[in-house]
Amino acid sequence: MMASQVALADWSATITGASDYTFNGVSQTENDPALQGSIDYAADNGFYAGSWASNVDFGDGTDLEWDFYVGQFRQLNNQLSVDYGIAYYSYHGASSSSDGNYFEAYTKFAYDSQLGTTEANFWYTWDYFGTDAGHVISMLAHNYALAEGHNLRLSVDASNSLDGDKFAWQADGKSYVHYRLAYQTSYSGFDFELAAEDTNLDSEYADERLVLSVSKTFSL
């Protein structure tokens, strides 16, 4: 019975190599490359679940981020869809790494038109990086097909700490903005992305940069 259920499931795995791992515009690897991987399950009714991992470097001995997520995708009509779920971020490598573990809820809306796909995405956590501080990320994005197999994605997101006394990026830095423009294409079964991004933070780990990533997805 177990073998039959697995055979009917839509499983996939993805391996990615990136010149940097940026999270909302902030390098998680001290500007160094990252090797990432995921295993995902997707059902015909829109339910999905998966796990994703990457090397990280926070300068405190933490060297691995391992995330888990479960969600539901719904096509509301021919143009509008919604994707919602919950994710769990966990950190490993040092005795104190797990202090940064936290849950996050998300909702993503997408609208398809002749001009491409426009997104309004939102994330919320009540315990950002284990600090017991509320945190909200709001993103507007647009995906435009330049030609078949060649896409541009422009996104702007704002990260806002709801409790600056517990977590802030800099002095009085309860929020910041992240800008990103990415070119995406595929060749011989590999997916390529070259992204230019920047933030308004004053940090060598969040300044302007180009990030190149190459990934390969396998059906299981």
N, C-alpha and C. Protein backbone atom coordinates (compact mmCIF):
# COMPACT_ATOMS: atom_id res chain seq x y z
N MET A 1 0.83 -1.20 0.00
CA MET A 1 0.00 0.00 0.00
C MET A 1 0.87 1.26 0.00
N MET A 2 1.95 1.26 0.81
CA MET A 2 2.83 2.42 0.85
C MET A 2 3.45 2.67 -0.51
N ALA A 3 3.88 1.63 -1.19
CA ALA A 3 4.51 1.79 -2.49
C ALA A 3 3.53 2.38 -3.49
N SER A 4 2.26 1.99 -3.42
CA SER A 4 1.26 2.53 -4.34
C SER A 4 1.04 4.01 -4.09
N GLN A 5 0.98 4.43 -2.84
CA GLN A 5 0.77 5.84 -2.52
C GLN A 5 1.94 6.69 -3.00
N VAL A 6 3.16 6.20 -2.84
CA VAL A 6 4.33 6.95 -3.27
C VAL A 6 4.34 7.08 -4.79
N ALA A 7 3.94 6.02 -5.49
CA ALA A 7 3.95 6.05 -6.95
C ALA A 7 2.97 7.08 -7.50
N LEU A 8 1.86 7.31 -6.77
CA LEU A 8 0.86 8.27 -7.24
C LEU A 8 1.22 9.70 -6.87
N ALA A 9 2.13 9.89 -5.96
CA ALA A 9 2.48 11.23 -5.50
C ALA A 9 3.40 11.91 -6.51
N ASP A 10 3.32 13.25 -6.56
CA ASP A 10 4.18 14.05 -7.44
C ASP A 10 5.34 14.58 -6.60
N TRP A 11 6.46 13.87 -6.63
CA TRP A 11 7.64 14.25 -5.86
C TRP A 11 8.72 14.82 -6.79
N SER A 12 9.47 15.77 -6.27
CA SER A 12 10.58 16.33 -7.05
C SER A 12 11.69 16.77 -6.10
N ALA A 13 12.88 16.90 -6.65
CA ALA A 13 14.03 17.39 -5.88
C ALA A 13 14.77 18.41 -6.74
N THR A 14 15.28 19.45 -6.10
CA THR A 14 16.00 20.50 -6.80
C THR A 14 17.34 20.76 -6.12
N ILE A 15 18.38 20.89 -6.91
CA ILE A 15 19.71 21.26 -6.42
C ILE A 15 20.10 22.59 -7.05
N THR A 16 20.59 23.51 -6.25
CA THR A 16 20.93 24.86 -6.72
C THR A 16 22.31 25.26 -6.25
N GLY A 17 23.08 25.85 -7.14
CA GLY A 17 24.32 26.49 -6.78
C GLY A 17 24.18 27.98 -7.01
N ALA A 18 24.54 28.81 -6.04
CA ALA A 18 24.36 30.26 -6.14
C ALA A 18 25.62 30.98 -5.71
N SER A 19 25.88 32.12 -6.33
CA SER A 19 27.06 32.91 -5.98
C SER A 19 26.91 33.58 -4.61
N ASP A 20 25.69 33.65 -4.10
CA ASP A 20 25.41 34.21 -2.78
C ASP A 20 24.02 33.73 -2.39
N TYR A 21 23.75 33.65 -1.10
CA TYR A 21 22.41 33.36 -0.61
C TYR A 21 21.91 34.61 0.09
N THR A 22 21.03 35.35 -0.59
CA THR A 22 20.46 36.55 0.01
C THR A 22 19.03 36.28 0.45
N PHE A 23 18.69 36.74 1.63
CA PHE A 23 17.36 36.60 2.21
C PHE A 23 16.81 38.00 2.41
N ASN A 24 15.85 38.38 1.57
CA ASN A 24 15.32 39.75 1.58
C ASN A 24 16.46 40.77 1.40
N GLY A 25 17.40 40.42 0.54
CA GLY A 25 18.48 41.34 0.19
C GLY A 25 19.69 41.30 1.08
N VAL A 26 19.66 40.49 2.13
CA VAL A 26 20.78 40.42 3.08
C VAL A 26 21.48 39.08 2.92
N SER A 27 22.79 39.10 2.70
CA SER A 27 23.53 37.86 2.51
C SER A 27 23.49 37.02 3.77
N GLN A 28 23.21 35.74 3.61
CA GLN A 28 23.21 34.79 4.71
C GLN A 28 24.50 33.97 4.75
N THR A 29 25.43 34.27 3.82
CA THR A 29 26.67 33.51 3.71
C THR A 29 27.90 34.41 3.74
N GLU A 30 27.74 35.63 4.28
CA GLU A 30 28.82 36.63 4.30
C GLU A 30 29.39 36.84 2.90
N ASN A 31 28.47 36.95 1.93
CA ASN A 31 28.79 37.23 0.52
C ASN A 31 29.48 36.07 -0.19
N ASP A 32 29.46 34.88 0.39
CA ASP A 32 30.08 33.72 -0.22
C ASP A 32 29.04 32.85 -0.93
N PRO A 33 29.48 31.91 -1.78
CA PRO A 33 28.53 31.05 -2.53
C PRO A 33 27.74 30.12 -1.61
N ALA A 34 26.66 29.57 -2.18
CA ALA A 34 25.79 28.66 -1.42
C ALA A 34 25.43 27.46 -2.28
N LEU A 35 25.32 26.32 -1.62
CA LEU A 35 24.81 25.10 -2.24
C LEU A 35 23.50 24.77 -1.54
N GLN A 36 22.43 24.62 -2.32
CA GLN A 36 21.09 24.48 -1.75
C GLN A 36 20.37 23.29 -2.37
N GLY A 37 19.42 22.73 -1.62
CA GLY A 37 18.66 21.61 -2.13
C GLY A 37 17.28 21.53 -1.50
N SER A 38 16.34 20.95 -2.23
CA SER A 38 14.99 20.81 -1.70
C SER A 38 14.37 19.51 -2.18
N ILE A 39 13.40 19.01 -1.41
CA ILE A 39 12.55 17.89 -1.78
C ILE A 39 11.12 18.34 -1.59
N ASP A 40 10.28 18.16 -2.64
CA ASP A 40 8.92 18.70 -2.61
C ASP A 40 7.90 17.66 -3.04
N TYR A 41 6.72 17.78 -2.44
CA TYR A 41 5.57 16.96 -2.80
C TYR A 41 4.44 17.90 -3.20
N ALA A 42 3.77 17.61 -4.30
CA ALA A 42 2.63 18.42 -4.75
C ALA A 42 1.49 17.50 -5.15
N ALA A 43 0.30 17.77 -4.63
CA ALA A 43 -0.89 16.97 -4.95
C ALA A 43 -1.73 17.67 -6.00
N ASP A 44 -2.61 16.92 -6.66
CA ASP A 44 -3.46 17.48 -7.70
C ASP A 44 -4.42 18.54 -7.17
N ASN A 45 -4.77 18.48 -5.87
CA ASN A 45 -5.72 19.43 -5.31
C ASN A 45 -5.06 20.73 -4.85
N GLY A 46 -3.77 20.90 -5.11
CA GLY A 46 -3.07 22.13 -4.75
C GLY A 46 -2.31 22.07 -3.45
N PHE A 47 -2.49 21.01 -2.69
CA PHE A 47 -1.73 20.86 -1.44
C PHE A 47 -0.27 20.55 -1.77
N TYR A 48 0.65 21.11 -0.99
CA TYR A 48 2.07 20.82 -1.19
C TYR A 48 2.81 20.87 0.15
N ALA A 49 3.96 20.23 0.18
CA ALA A 49 4.82 20.24 1.35
C ALA A 49 6.24 20.00 0.88
N GLY A 50 7.19 20.45 1.67
CA GLY A 50 8.56 20.24 1.26
C GLY A 50 9.56 20.65 2.32
N SER A 51 10.83 20.46 1.97
CA SER A 51 11.93 20.82 2.84
C SER A 51 13.05 21.39 1.98
N TRP A 52 13.73 22.41 2.50
CA TRP A 52 14.77 23.12 1.76
C TRP A 52 15.94 23.39 2.70
N ALA A 53 17.17 23.30 2.19
CA ALA A 53 18.35 23.52 3.03
C ALA A 53 19.42 24.28 2.27
N SER A 54 20.24 25.02 3.01
CA SER A 54 21.34 25.79 2.42
C SER A 54 22.42 25.98 3.47
N ASN A 55 23.67 26.08 3.00
CA ASN A 55 24.73 26.52 3.91
C ASN A 55 24.53 28.00 4.22
N VAL A 56 24.90 28.40 5.42
CA VAL A 56 24.85 29.80 5.85
C VAL A 56 26.11 30.10 6.65
N ASP A 57 26.32 31.37 6.91
CA ASP A 57 27.46 31.80 7.74
C ASP A 57 27.07 33.11 8.42
N PHE A 58 26.75 33.01 9.70
CA PHE A 58 26.38 34.19 10.49
C PHE A 58 27.53 34.68 11.36
N GLY A 59 28.70 34.02 11.25
CA GLY A 59 29.84 34.42 12.06
C GLY A 59 29.79 33.93 13.48
N ASP A 60 28.83 33.02 13.79
CA ASP A 60 28.71 32.52 15.17
C ASP A 60 28.79 31.00 15.24
N GLY A 61 29.24 30.37 14.16
CA GLY A 61 29.31 28.91 14.12
C GLY A 61 28.12 28.27 13.43
N THR A 62 27.06 29.01 13.17
CA THR A 62 25.92 28.48 12.44
C THR A 62 26.32 28.27 10.98
N ASP A 63 26.11 27.06 10.47
CA ASP A 63 26.54 26.79 9.10
C ASP A 63 25.47 26.14 8.23
N LEU A 64 24.27 25.89 8.78
CA LEU A 64 23.21 25.23 8.01
C LEU A 64 21.84 25.81 8.36
N GLU A 65 21.08 26.15 7.32
CA GLU A 65 19.66 26.48 7.48
C GLU A 65 18.86 25.35 6.86
N TRP A 66 17.88 24.86 7.60
CA TRP A 66 17.05 23.74 7.14
C TRP A 66 15.59 24.10 7.41
N ASP A 67 14.83 24.29 6.33
CA ASP A 67 13.46 24.77 6.44
C ASP A 67 12.45 23.70 6.04
N PHE A 68 11.23 23.86 6.56
CA PHE A 68 10.13 22.97 6.23
C PHE A 68 8.89 23.83 5.96
N TYR A 69 8.04 23.40 5.03
CA TYR A 69 6.86 24.19 4.70
C TYR A 69 5.74 23.30 4.23
N VAL A 70 4.52 23.79 4.44
CA VAL A 70 3.31 23.11 3.99
C VAL A 70 2.32 24.19 3.58
N GLY A 71 1.61 23.98 2.47
CA GLY A 71 0.71 25.03 2.00
C GLY A 71 -0.34 24.51 1.04
N GLN A 72 -1.13 25.45 0.54
CA GLN A 72 -2.22 25.15 -0.38
C GLN A 72 -2.25 26.21 -1.48
N PHE A 73 -2.29 25.75 -2.74
CA PHE A 73 -2.43 26.66 -3.88
C PHE A 73 -3.84 26.51 -4.43
N ARG A 74 -4.51 27.65 -4.67
CA ARG A 74 -5.87 27.62 -5.22
C ARG A 74 -5.96 28.59 -6.40
N GLN A 75 -6.51 28.10 -7.50
CA GLN A 75 -6.82 28.93 -8.66
C GLN A 75 -8.24 29.45 -8.48
N LEU A 76 -8.42 30.73 -8.18
CA LEU A 76 -9.72 31.28 -7.86
C LEU A 76 -10.57 31.52 -9.10
N ASN A 77 -9.93 31.94 -10.19
CA ASN A 77 -10.59 32.07 -11.49
C ASN A 77 -9.51 32.00 -12.56
N ASN A 78 -9.85 32.38 -13.79
CA ASN A 78 -8.88 32.26 -14.87
C ASN A 78 -7.64 33.13 -14.68
N GLN A 79 -7.76 34.19 -13.88
CA GLN A 79 -6.67 35.15 -13.73
C GLN A 79 -6.07 35.21 -12.33
N LEU A 80 -6.87 34.93 -11.31
CA LEU A 80 -6.46 35.16 -9.93
C LEU A 80 -6.21 33.83 -9.20
N SER A 81 -5.08 33.78 -8.49
CA SER A 81 -4.76 32.61 -7.68
C SER A 81 -4.24 33.05 -6.32
N VAL A 82 -4.28 32.13 -5.35
CA VAL A 82 -3.77 32.41 -4.02
C VAL A 82 -2.98 31.20 -3.53
N ASP A 83 -1.92 31.47 -2.80
CA ASP A 83 -1.05 30.44 -2.25
C ASP A 83 -0.81 30.81 -0.79
N TYR A 84 -1.15 29.90 0.14
CA TYR A 84 -0.97 30.23 1.55
C TYR A 84 -0.44 29.01 2.30
N GLY A 85 0.28 29.27 3.39
CA GLY A 85 0.83 28.17 4.14
C GLY A 85 1.66 28.65 5.31
N ILE A 86 2.44 27.74 5.86
CA ILE A 86 3.29 28.06 7.00
C ILE A 86 4.66 27.40 6.79
N ALA A 87 5.70 28.09 7.22
CA ALA A 87 7.07 27.60 7.08
C ALA A 87 7.76 27.61 8.44
N TYR A 88 8.74 26.72 8.57
CA TYR A 88 9.54 26.66 9.80
C TYR A 88 11.01 26.76 9.41
N TYR A 89 11.71 27.75 9.94
CA TYR A 89 13.12 27.97 9.69
C TYR A 89 13.92 27.41 10.86
N SER A 90 14.90 26.55 10.58
CA SER A 90 15.74 26.02 11.65
C SER A 90 17.21 26.19 11.28
N TYR A 91 18.05 26.39 12.29
CA TYR A 91 19.46 26.68 12.10
C TYR A 91 20.32 25.73 12.93
N HIS A 92 21.49 25.35 12.35
CA HIS A 92 22.30 24.30 12.94
C HIS A 92 23.79 24.64 12.80
N GLY A 93 24.60 24.00 13.65
CA GLY A 93 26.05 24.15 13.55
C GLY A 93 26.71 24.53 14.86
N ALA A 94 26.04 25.34 15.66
CA ALA A 94 26.56 25.75 16.96
C ALA A 94 25.52 25.43 18.02
N SER A 95 25.95 25.39 19.27
CA SER A 95 25.03 25.04 20.36
C SER A 95 23.89 26.04 20.49
N SER A 96 24.12 27.29 20.08
CA SER A 96 23.08 28.31 20.20
C SER A 96 22.32 28.56 18.89
N SER A 97 22.66 27.82 17.84
CA SER A 97 22.05 28.09 16.53
C SER A 97 20.53 27.95 16.56
N SER A 98 20.05 26.93 17.28
CA SER A 98 18.60 26.67 17.30
C SER A 98 17.81 27.78 18.00
N ASP A 99 18.51 28.68 18.71
CA ASP A 99 17.80 29.81 19.35
C ASP A 99 17.13 30.69 18.30
N GLY A 100 17.62 30.63 17.05
CA GLY A 100 17.05 31.46 15.99
C GLY A 100 15.91 30.81 15.23
N ASN A 101 15.51 29.60 15.59
CA ASN A 101 14.42 28.92 14.89
C ASN A 101 13.10 29.67 15.05
N TYR A 102 12.28 29.68 13.99
CA TYR A 102 10.98 30.34 14.09
C TYR A 102 10.02 29.87 13.01
N PHE A 103 8.72 30.06 13.27
CA PHE A 103 7.66 29.79 12.31
C PHE A 103 7.28 31.08 11.58
N GLU A 104 6.75 30.91 10.37
CA GLU A 104 6.30 32.06 9.58
C GLU A 104 5.09 31.65 8.75
N ALA A 105 4.06 32.48 8.74
CA ALA A 105 2.87 32.27 7.90
C ALA A 105 2.95 33.17 6.68
N TYR A 106 2.41 32.71 5.55
CA TYR A 106 2.48 33.51 4.33
C TYR A 106 1.22 33.36 3.50
N THR A 107 0.94 34.41 2.72
CA THR A 107 -0.15 34.42 1.74
C THR A 107 0.36 35.16 0.51
N LYS A 108 0.16 34.54 -0.68
CA LYS A 108 0.64 35.12 -1.92
C LYS A 108 -0.50 35.15 -2.94
N PHE A 109 -0.74 36.33 -3.50
CA PHE A 109 -1.75 36.49 -4.54
C PHE A 109 -1.07 36.74 -5.87
N ALA A 110 -1.64 36.17 -6.94
CA ALA A 110 -1.09 36.36 -8.29
C ALA A 110 -2.23 36.66 -9.26
N TYR A 111 -1.98 37.63 -10.15
CA TYR A 111 -2.98 38.03 -11.14
C TYR A 111 -2.34 37.98 -12.52
N ASP A 112 -2.90 37.17 -13.41
CA ASP A 112 -2.39 37.01 -14.77
C ASP A 112 -3.10 37.93 -15.73
N SER A 113 -2.32 38.59 -16.60
CA SER A 113 -2.88 39.45 -17.63
C SER A 113 -2.01 39.36 -18.87
N GLN A 114 -2.36 40.09 -19.90
CA GLN A 114 -1.56 40.09 -21.12
C GLN A 114 -0.18 40.70 -20.89
N LEU A 115 -0.02 41.45 -19.81
CA LEU A 115 1.26 42.09 -19.50
C LEU A 115 2.14 41.22 -18.60
N GLY A 116 1.65 40.03 -18.22
CA GLY A 116 2.42 39.16 -17.37
C GLY A 116 1.67 38.82 -16.09
N THR A 117 2.41 38.43 -15.06
CA THR A 117 1.83 38.04 -13.78
C THR A 117 2.27 39.02 -12.70
N THR A 118 1.29 39.61 -12.02
CA THR A 118 1.55 40.55 -10.94
C THR A 118 1.26 39.86 -9.61
N GLU A 119 2.14 40.05 -8.63
CA GLU A 119 2.01 39.39 -7.34
C GLU A 119 1.93 40.40 -6.20
N ALA A 120 1.16 40.03 -5.18
CA ALA A 120 1.15 40.73 -3.90
C ALA A 120 1.35 39.66 -2.83
N ASN A 121 2.50 39.67 -2.18
CA ASN A 121 2.89 38.60 -1.27
C ASN A 121 3.14 39.15 0.14
N PHE A 122 2.76 38.34 1.14
CA PHE A 122 2.87 38.78 2.53
C PHE A 122 3.36 37.63 3.41
N TRP A 123 4.29 37.96 4.34
CA TRP A 123 4.79 37.00 5.31
C TRP A 123 4.67 37.61 6.70
N TYR A 124 4.35 36.78 7.68
CA TYR A 124 4.25 37.27 9.06
C TYR A 124 4.79 36.21 10.02
N THR A 125 5.60 36.66 10.98
CA THR A 125 6.03 35.81 12.08
C THR A 125 5.92 36.56 13.39
N TRP A 126 5.64 35.84 14.43
CA TRP A 126 5.50 36.43 15.76
C TRP A 126 6.77 36.22 16.59
N ASP A 127 7.81 35.62 15.97
CA ASP A 127 9.03 35.28 16.73
C ASP A 127 10.24 35.34 15.81
N TYR A 128 10.48 36.48 15.18
CA TYR A 128 11.51 36.59 14.14
C TYR A 128 12.88 36.22 14.67
N PHE A 129 13.51 35.22 14.05
CA PHE A 129 14.82 34.71 14.46
C PHE A 129 14.89 34.43 15.96
N GLY A 130 13.77 33.97 16.52
CA GLY A 130 13.74 33.57 17.93
C GLY A 130 13.82 34.72 18.91
N THR A 131 13.54 35.94 18.45
CA THR A 131 13.65 37.12 19.33
C THR A 131 12.33 37.49 19.99
N ASP A 132 11.25 36.76 19.71
CA ASP A 132 9.91 37.05 20.24
C ASP A 132 9.38 38.38 19.70
N ALA A 133 9.94 38.83 18.57
CA ALA A 133 9.49 40.08 17.94
C ALA A 133 8.63 39.75 16.72
N GLY A 134 7.53 40.48 16.57
CA GLY A 134 6.72 40.33 15.38
C GLY A 134 7.42 40.93 14.18
N HIS A 135 7.15 40.38 13.00
CA HIS A 135 7.84 40.82 11.80
C HIS A 135 6.95 40.60 10.59
N VAL A 136 6.89 41.58 9.70
CA VAL A 136 6.04 41.50 8.50
C VAL A 136 6.87 41.87 7.28
N ILE A 137 6.72 41.09 6.21
CA ILE A 137 7.33 41.40 4.92
C ILE A 137 6.20 41.54 3.90
N SER A 138 6.21 42.63 3.15
CA SER A 138 5.23 42.87 2.09
C SER A 138 5.97 43.04 0.78
N MET A 139 5.50 42.35 -0.26
CA MET A 139 6.20 42.38 -1.55
C MET A 139 5.22 42.63 -2.69
N LEU A 140 5.63 43.48 -3.62
CA LEU A 140 4.98 43.61 -4.92
C LEU A 140 5.96 43.14 -5.97
N ALA A 141 5.48 42.32 -6.91
CA ALA A 141 6.37 41.76 -7.93
C ALA A 141 5.62 41.65 -9.25
N HIS A 142 6.38 41.67 -10.33
CA HIS A 142 5.79 41.47 -11.66
C HIS A 142 6.72 40.61 -12.50
N ASN A 143 6.14 39.62 -13.16
CA ASN A 143 6.88 38.71 -14.03
C ASN A 143 6.45 38.95 -15.47
N TYR A 144 7.42 39.16 -16.34
CA TYR A 144 7.12 39.48 -17.74
C TYR A 144 7.95 38.57 -18.66
N ALA A 145 7.28 37.94 -19.62
CA ALA A 145 7.96 37.06 -20.57
C ALA A 145 8.51 37.89 -21.72
N LEU A 146 9.83 37.97 -21.83
CA LEU A 146 10.45 38.68 -22.94
C LEU A 146 10.26 37.90 -24.24
N ALA A 147 10.39 36.60 -24.14
CA ALA A 147 10.19 35.66 -25.25
C ALA A 147 10.03 34.30 -24.60
N GLU A 148 9.71 33.29 -25.41
CA GLU A 148 9.54 31.97 -24.84
C GLU A 148 10.83 31.50 -24.17
N GLY A 149 10.73 31.19 -22.87
CA GLY A 149 11.90 30.74 -22.12
C GLY A 149 12.79 31.83 -21.59
N HIS A 150 12.37 33.09 -21.72
CA HIS A 150 13.17 34.22 -21.24
C HIS A 150 12.24 35.16 -20.46
N ASN A 151 12.50 35.31 -19.17
CA ASN A 151 11.60 36.09 -18.31
C ASN A 151 12.35 37.12 -17.49
N LEU A 152 11.65 38.21 -17.18
CA LEU A 152 12.13 39.22 -16.25
C LEU A 152 11.21 39.23 -15.04
N ARG A 153 11.81 39.37 -13.85
CA ARG A 153 11.02 39.49 -12.62
C ARG A 153 11.53 40.69 -11.84
N LEU A 154 10.65 41.64 -11.59
CA LEU A 154 10.94 42.83 -10.80
C LEU A 154 10.17 42.75 -9.50
N SER A 155 10.86 42.93 -8.38
CA SER A 155 10.19 42.88 -7.09
C SER A 155 10.71 43.96 -6.16
N VAL A 156 9.83 44.44 -5.30
CA VAL A 156 10.17 45.39 -4.25
C VAL A 156 9.51 44.89 -2.98
N ASP A 157 10.28 44.71 -1.92
CA ASP A 157 9.69 44.24 -0.66
C ASP A 157 10.18 45.09 0.49
N ALA A 158 9.32 45.23 1.48
CA ALA A 158 9.62 45.99 2.69
C ALA A 158 9.57 45.05 3.89
N SER A 159 10.64 45.04 4.68
CA SER A 159 10.70 44.25 5.91
C SER A 159 10.47 45.19 7.09
N ASN A 160 9.53 44.83 7.96
CA ASN A 160 9.15 45.70 9.07
C ASN A 160 9.16 44.93 10.38
N SER A 161 9.95 45.40 11.33
CA SER A 161 9.94 44.83 12.67
C SER A 161 8.81 45.49 13.46
N LEU A 162 7.97 44.67 14.09
CA LEU A 162 6.86 45.19 14.88
C LEU A 162 7.27 45.47 16.33
N ASP A 163 8.51 45.15 16.66
CA ASP A 163 9.02 45.40 18.01
C ASP A 163 10.52 45.69 17.91
N GLY A 164 10.85 46.94 17.61
CA GLY A 164 12.23 47.34 17.44
C GLY A 164 13.08 47.19 18.68
N ASP A 165 12.46 47.11 19.87
CA ASP A 165 13.23 46.93 21.10
C ASP A 165 13.81 45.51 21.18
N LYS A 166 13.19 44.57 20.46
CA LYS A 166 13.65 43.19 20.49
C LYS A 166 14.46 42.83 19.26
N PHE A 167 14.13 43.45 18.11
CA PHE A 167 14.89 43.18 16.89
C PHE A 167 14.86 44.40 15.99
N ALA A 168 16.04 44.85 15.58
CA ALA A 168 16.18 45.94 14.61
C ALA A 168 17.47 45.70 13.84
N TRP A 169 17.50 46.13 12.59
CA TRP A 169 18.68 45.88 11.76
C TRP A 169 19.82 46.84 12.10
N GLN A 170 19.48 48.08 12.40
CA GLN A 170 20.47 49.07 12.78
C GLN A 170 19.82 49.96 13.84
N ALA A 171 20.53 50.95 14.33
CA ALA A 171 19.95 51.86 15.31
C ALA A 171 18.69 52.49 14.72
N ASP A 172 17.58 52.31 15.40
CA ASP A 172 16.28 52.81 14.94
C ASP A 172 15.89 52.21 13.59
N GLY A 173 16.50 51.09 13.22
CA GLY A 173 16.20 50.49 11.93
C GLY A 173 15.11 49.45 12.03
N LYS A 174 13.88 49.88 12.20
CA LYS A 174 12.76 48.96 12.33
C LYS A 174 12.28 48.43 10.97
N SER A 175 12.75 49.04 9.88
CA SER A 175 12.31 48.59 8.57
C SER A 175 13.36 48.92 7.52
N TYR A 176 13.29 48.21 6.39
CA TYR A 176 14.14 48.53 5.26
C TYR A 176 13.48 48.02 3.99
N VAL A 177 13.98 48.48 2.83
CA VAL A 177 13.39 48.14 1.54
C VAL A 177 14.43 47.40 0.70
N HIS A 178 13.97 46.42 -0.04
CA HIS A 178 14.82 45.57 -0.87
C HIS A 178 14.29 45.60 -2.30
N TYR A 179 15.19 45.86 -3.26
CA TYR A 179 14.83 45.93 -4.68
C TYR A 179 15.55 44.80 -5.43
N ARG A 180 14.85 44.19 -6.40
CA ARG A 180 15.48 43.07 -7.11
C ARG A 180 14.95 42.99 -8.54
N LEU A 181 15.86 42.85 -9.50
CA LEU A 181 15.52 42.64 -10.91
C LEU A 181 16.25 41.40 -11.38
N ALA A 182 15.49 40.39 -11.86
CA ALA A 182 16.10 39.11 -12.22
C ALA A 182 15.73 38.71 -13.64
N TYR A 183 16.73 38.18 -14.34
CA TYR A 183 16.52 37.57 -15.65
C TYR A 183 16.57 36.06 -15.46
N GLN A 184 15.58 35.36 -15.99
CA GLN A 184 15.45 33.92 -15.79
C GLN A 184 15.32 33.21 -17.13
N THR A 185 16.04 32.09 -17.27
CA THR A 185 15.95 31.30 -18.49
C THR A 185 16.31 29.85 -18.17
N SER A 186 16.12 28.96 -19.14
CA SER A 186 16.46 27.55 -18.99
C SER A 186 17.22 27.08 -20.21
N TYR A 187 18.12 26.10 -19.98
CA TYR A 187 18.87 25.53 -21.08
C TYR A 187 19.32 24.12 -20.70
N SER A 188 19.01 23.16 -21.57
CA SER A 188 19.41 21.76 -21.39
C SER A 188 18.99 21.21 -20.02
N GLY A 189 17.80 21.58 -19.58
CA GLY A 189 17.28 21.07 -18.32
C GLY A 189 17.75 21.81 -17.08
N PHE A 190 18.56 22.84 -17.25
CA PHE A 190 19.02 23.66 -16.13
C PHE A 190 18.31 25.00 -16.14
N ASP A 191 18.01 25.53 -14.96
CA ASP A 191 17.40 26.85 -14.81
C ASP A 191 18.46 27.84 -14.36
N PHE A 192 18.51 28.98 -15.03
CA PHE A 192 19.50 30.02 -14.73
C PHE A 192 18.79 31.31 -14.30
N GLU A 193 19.37 31.99 -13.33
CA GLU A 193 18.86 33.30 -12.91
C GLU A 193 20.03 34.22 -12.60
N LEU A 194 19.98 35.42 -13.17
CA LEU A 194 20.95 36.48 -12.86
C LEU A 194 20.16 37.65 -12.29
N ALA A 195 20.42 37.99 -11.04
CA ALA A 195 19.63 39.01 -10.35
C ALA A 195 20.52 40.16 -9.88
N ALA A 196 20.03 41.38 -10.09
CA ALA A 196 20.65 42.58 -9.52
C ALA A 196 19.78 43.03 -8.36
N GLU A 197 20.38 43.23 -7.19
CA GLU A 197 19.57 43.61 -6.04
C GLU A 197 20.31 44.57 -5.12
N ASP A 198 19.53 45.26 -4.31
CA ASP A 198 20.08 46.25 -3.39
C ASP A 198 19.06 46.49 -2.29
N THR A 199 19.52 47.07 -1.19
CA THR A 199 18.65 47.50 -0.10
C THR A 199 19.06 48.91 0.31
N ASN A 200 18.27 49.51 1.19
CA ASN A 200 18.66 50.81 1.74
C ASN A 200 19.33 50.68 3.11
N LEU A 201 19.79 49.45 3.42
CA LEU A 201 20.58 49.24 4.63
C LEU A 201 22.03 49.65 4.40
N ASP A 202 22.69 50.12 5.42
CA ASP A 202 24.10 50.48 5.34
C ASP A 202 24.93 49.31 5.86
N SER A 203 25.14 48.31 4.99
CA SER A 203 25.87 47.11 5.40
C SER A 203 26.55 46.49 4.19
N GLU A 204 27.75 45.98 4.38
CA GLU A 204 28.46 45.31 3.29
C GLU A 204 27.77 44.01 2.88
N TYR A 205 26.88 43.50 3.73
CA TYR A 205 26.16 42.27 3.42
C TYR A 205 24.77 42.54 2.84
N ALA A 206 24.44 43.81 2.61
CA ALA A 206 23.12 44.15 2.08
C ALA A 206 23.21 45.27 1.05
N ASP A 207 24.40 45.43 0.44
CA ASP A 207 24.57 46.48 -0.56
C ASP A 207 24.28 45.93 -1.96
N GLU A 208 24.50 46.76 -2.98
CA GLU A 208 24.20 46.33 -4.35
C GLU A 208 25.07 45.15 -4.75
N ARG A 209 24.46 44.21 -5.51
CA ARG A 209 25.18 43.01 -5.90
C ARG A 209 24.49 42.31 -7.06
N LEU A 210 25.24 41.46 -7.74
CA LEU A 210 24.70 40.56 -8.74
C LEU A 210 24.78 39.14 -8.18
N VAL A 211 23.69 38.41 -8.31
CA VAL A 211 23.64 37.04 -7.80
C VAL A 211 23.28 36.11 -8.95
N LEU A 212 24.15 35.15 -9.21
CA LEU A 212 23.92 34.15 -10.25
C LEU A 212 23.59 32.81 -9.61
N SER A 213 22.54 32.16 -10.10
CA SER A 213 22.20 30.83 -9.59
C SER A 213 21.88 29.89 -10.75
N VAL A 214 22.23 28.61 -10.56
CA VAL A 214 21.96 27.56 -11.53
C VAL A 214 21.32 26.41 -10.77
N SER A 215 20.19 25.92 -11.27
CA SER A 215 19.50 24.84 -10.57
C SER A 215 19.03 23.76 -11.54
N LYS A 216 18.83 22.58 -10.99
CA LYS A 216 18.37 21.43 -11.74
C LYS A 216 17.31 20.73 -10.91
N THR A 217 16.15 20.46 -11.54
CA THR A 217 15.05 19.78 -10.86
C THR A 217 14.87 18.37 -11.41
N PHE A 218 14.69 17.42 -10.50
CA PHE A 218 14.52 16.02 -10.87
C PHE A 218 13.16 15.52 -10.40
N SER A 219 12.49 14.76 -11.22
CA SER A 219 11.25 14.09 -10.81
C SER A 219 11.63 12.80 -10.08
N LEU A 220 10.95 12.54 -8.98
CA LEU A 220 11.27 11.36 -8.16
C LEU A 220 10.17 10.30 -8.29
